[in-house]
């Protein structure tokens, strides 16, 4: 056997993904994250070790193999020099070289963001870094990337892991992971695998995103970075970002400890516009497209992120023990002011919404791995969790029905002209809805995983390994939402025009609410007007519109929360917005697999495998009948809980073939079967009955996971 480490001769950095081959055989290896390699079952006598790494000069080393002994050969490689020219190698180029070599050494179709690349680029979070890879797109919120789509598929079809430990979903409906929580500065690398092998979780139709945490290098190291920023739109200097890590190795380098931390605050405010058109048939028989709805939003949003990671590794005979923990929290505070010009409905809506909350995610894992030559194994235990808490989000909706616009819209009317059609009489725009939303969501997962790998050599041209393992994963999830408030205030409630608002005057007598309602028939927006203004809103193409004093709106809400009208009705829960989204449940997964990797000469690598997965889930939700009182929603009736269970088995083949006909061309093909598990609210047994309109809505409690058959082909061309 031969073992050792491959490094850069100049800076002594490890070279992950370097390729080492015994000349004239199929025996070889690629260096791991620590730059280490081992090649076994080599024939005795003189052999030639060939070492290559894109961007570096290849190296050939003559060695003598002795039976039952492991020869240590550390290799230092030199950057490739273009003769006669001066070449400046930047940090970004070094990062690209590392990523390319990791992709070359991968046994599946993958793309990599290296540690050097992450450190060089000013990406705020992990999603931004992943978005730089081919075949990957990102969705944004307030200009910041938050979720990742691989090969054009929804983020819910991806699996996200940290050091191989699966992250729980932090989405309200589906299984996607919001990666804006995770600072890219905490990571040592990112790999996106687009085709599954049998040892990977099967529910990864889009792909698997593996985030790698940094491990402690030799000697004491301390890194710290800080920066500030400016938001031009709101003229805000409050943006900042800091991150760092401290590490060392102890007890003759056996114990490594690295502590990372990060924090940032960014103003993610935005000006937003949307518009819709309708097709109109004119009296002349011409069909025209006319603008019929314009929405503008002034969104003030501040996001704060705080995170920490701790990674410990301890060298044991033939392997190491690892313990890692990872925590990130994202908090936000947002105010939204929205104008809706609905020409089709002759309605002018003005909405104000204040919301804030926190989302956090954590992982912890304990693992051991050992390599005994004739076999290697790894065993890991993990606990992960995510939670979202968004209490007391408040929404105030004002409306004017009828008489909202003057003028005639034609096919030539531009969206920027629509606001001028509004009559803009704040005394005729009245309060309609007042709501509070509370969200409390939590998901926890625990898992045990065991893998065994047995290498083999049939001949010098046929070698490889057999690998098998099992995984057990438990998930519990709770989703609790409340929508609480009062609607229909603009129209009255059947007991008299806006009688509910009239009683509000008893709580705030100095407002003379009764006088305002008697005069205008509504509680008008004019009473709440503020002097809030903005420069250059939507490049001054649209007016900001009427703005309300948020302190007065909140005072109104607090008073309404205590009001009872003559029918005995107070602020009431909205059945659909509350019980219609609540559920809790558990999911159990059992998996086992078997696979092999066969190297056929220096050209072909064949990787067949099969995976078995067993799914069990049990969810509880509410069944209820919607109630309408005086054309307004009332408390639910016939409220009860309902529980459903699901149980499925799957056998999934996964086959890869890699061809490397020469040094510059790699062809990868894959036939795989993967799963897509349905969104939580698609099968949780939420059931609501509407007797008034004679319909019932219920989730499909027997909905099966989908099985997808995938065919992948990737052709890569490299030049050193």
Foldseek 3Di string as FASTA:
>chain_A
DEKEFEAAPPPRHGQFLKWKDWPPFLWTATAHPRRMDATDDDDFAKIWIWIDFPQWDIDIDIDGDDPPDYHYDYHHTYGDDDPPDDDDQDLLNVQVSSQVSNCVRDPAHKGKGAQSNLVVDPAFWPQVSVCVDPQKHFDDDLRHTWAIFGNPDDQLQAWEEEVLHTWADPDQWGGHHGGSQGGSNQFRMKMWGQADAQVDAFSRNRTYIYTYGDWADEDWDKDKDKDWDADPQFRDRQWMKMKMKIWYADDVRQKIKMKIKIKIKDWSWDKDKDWAWDWDQDPVRDTFTFTFKIKIKGKTKMKMKIWMKMKMWGDDVQWIKIKMKIKMKMKMWMWMWMWMRGNVQQKTKIKIKTWIWMKMKMKIKIKIWGDPPQKIKMKMKMKIKMKIWIFWIKMWMWMAGPPQFDDDTDNPDDPLCRVVRGPQDQLRTFTFWIKTKIKIKMKMKIKIKMKMKGWDDPDSQKTWIKMKIKMKMKMKIWIFMWIWFDGGQLQDQVPDQNQLQCQLCVVVVVLPSVVSCVVRSHSGQVSFFDPDDGPCRVPPSHGSGTDGDVVVVVVSRVSQQPTAGPVRDGTAIDCCRGLVSTKIKMKIKMKIKIWMWMRRGNFKIKIKMKMKMKIKMKMKGWEWEWDADSNHTHDTHPIDMDMAMEIDMDMKIKIKMWTDPDDFKIKIKIKIKGWHDGIPQQQRFRKYAYVVVGDIDTHNNHDDIDIDIDIDIDMGGDDD
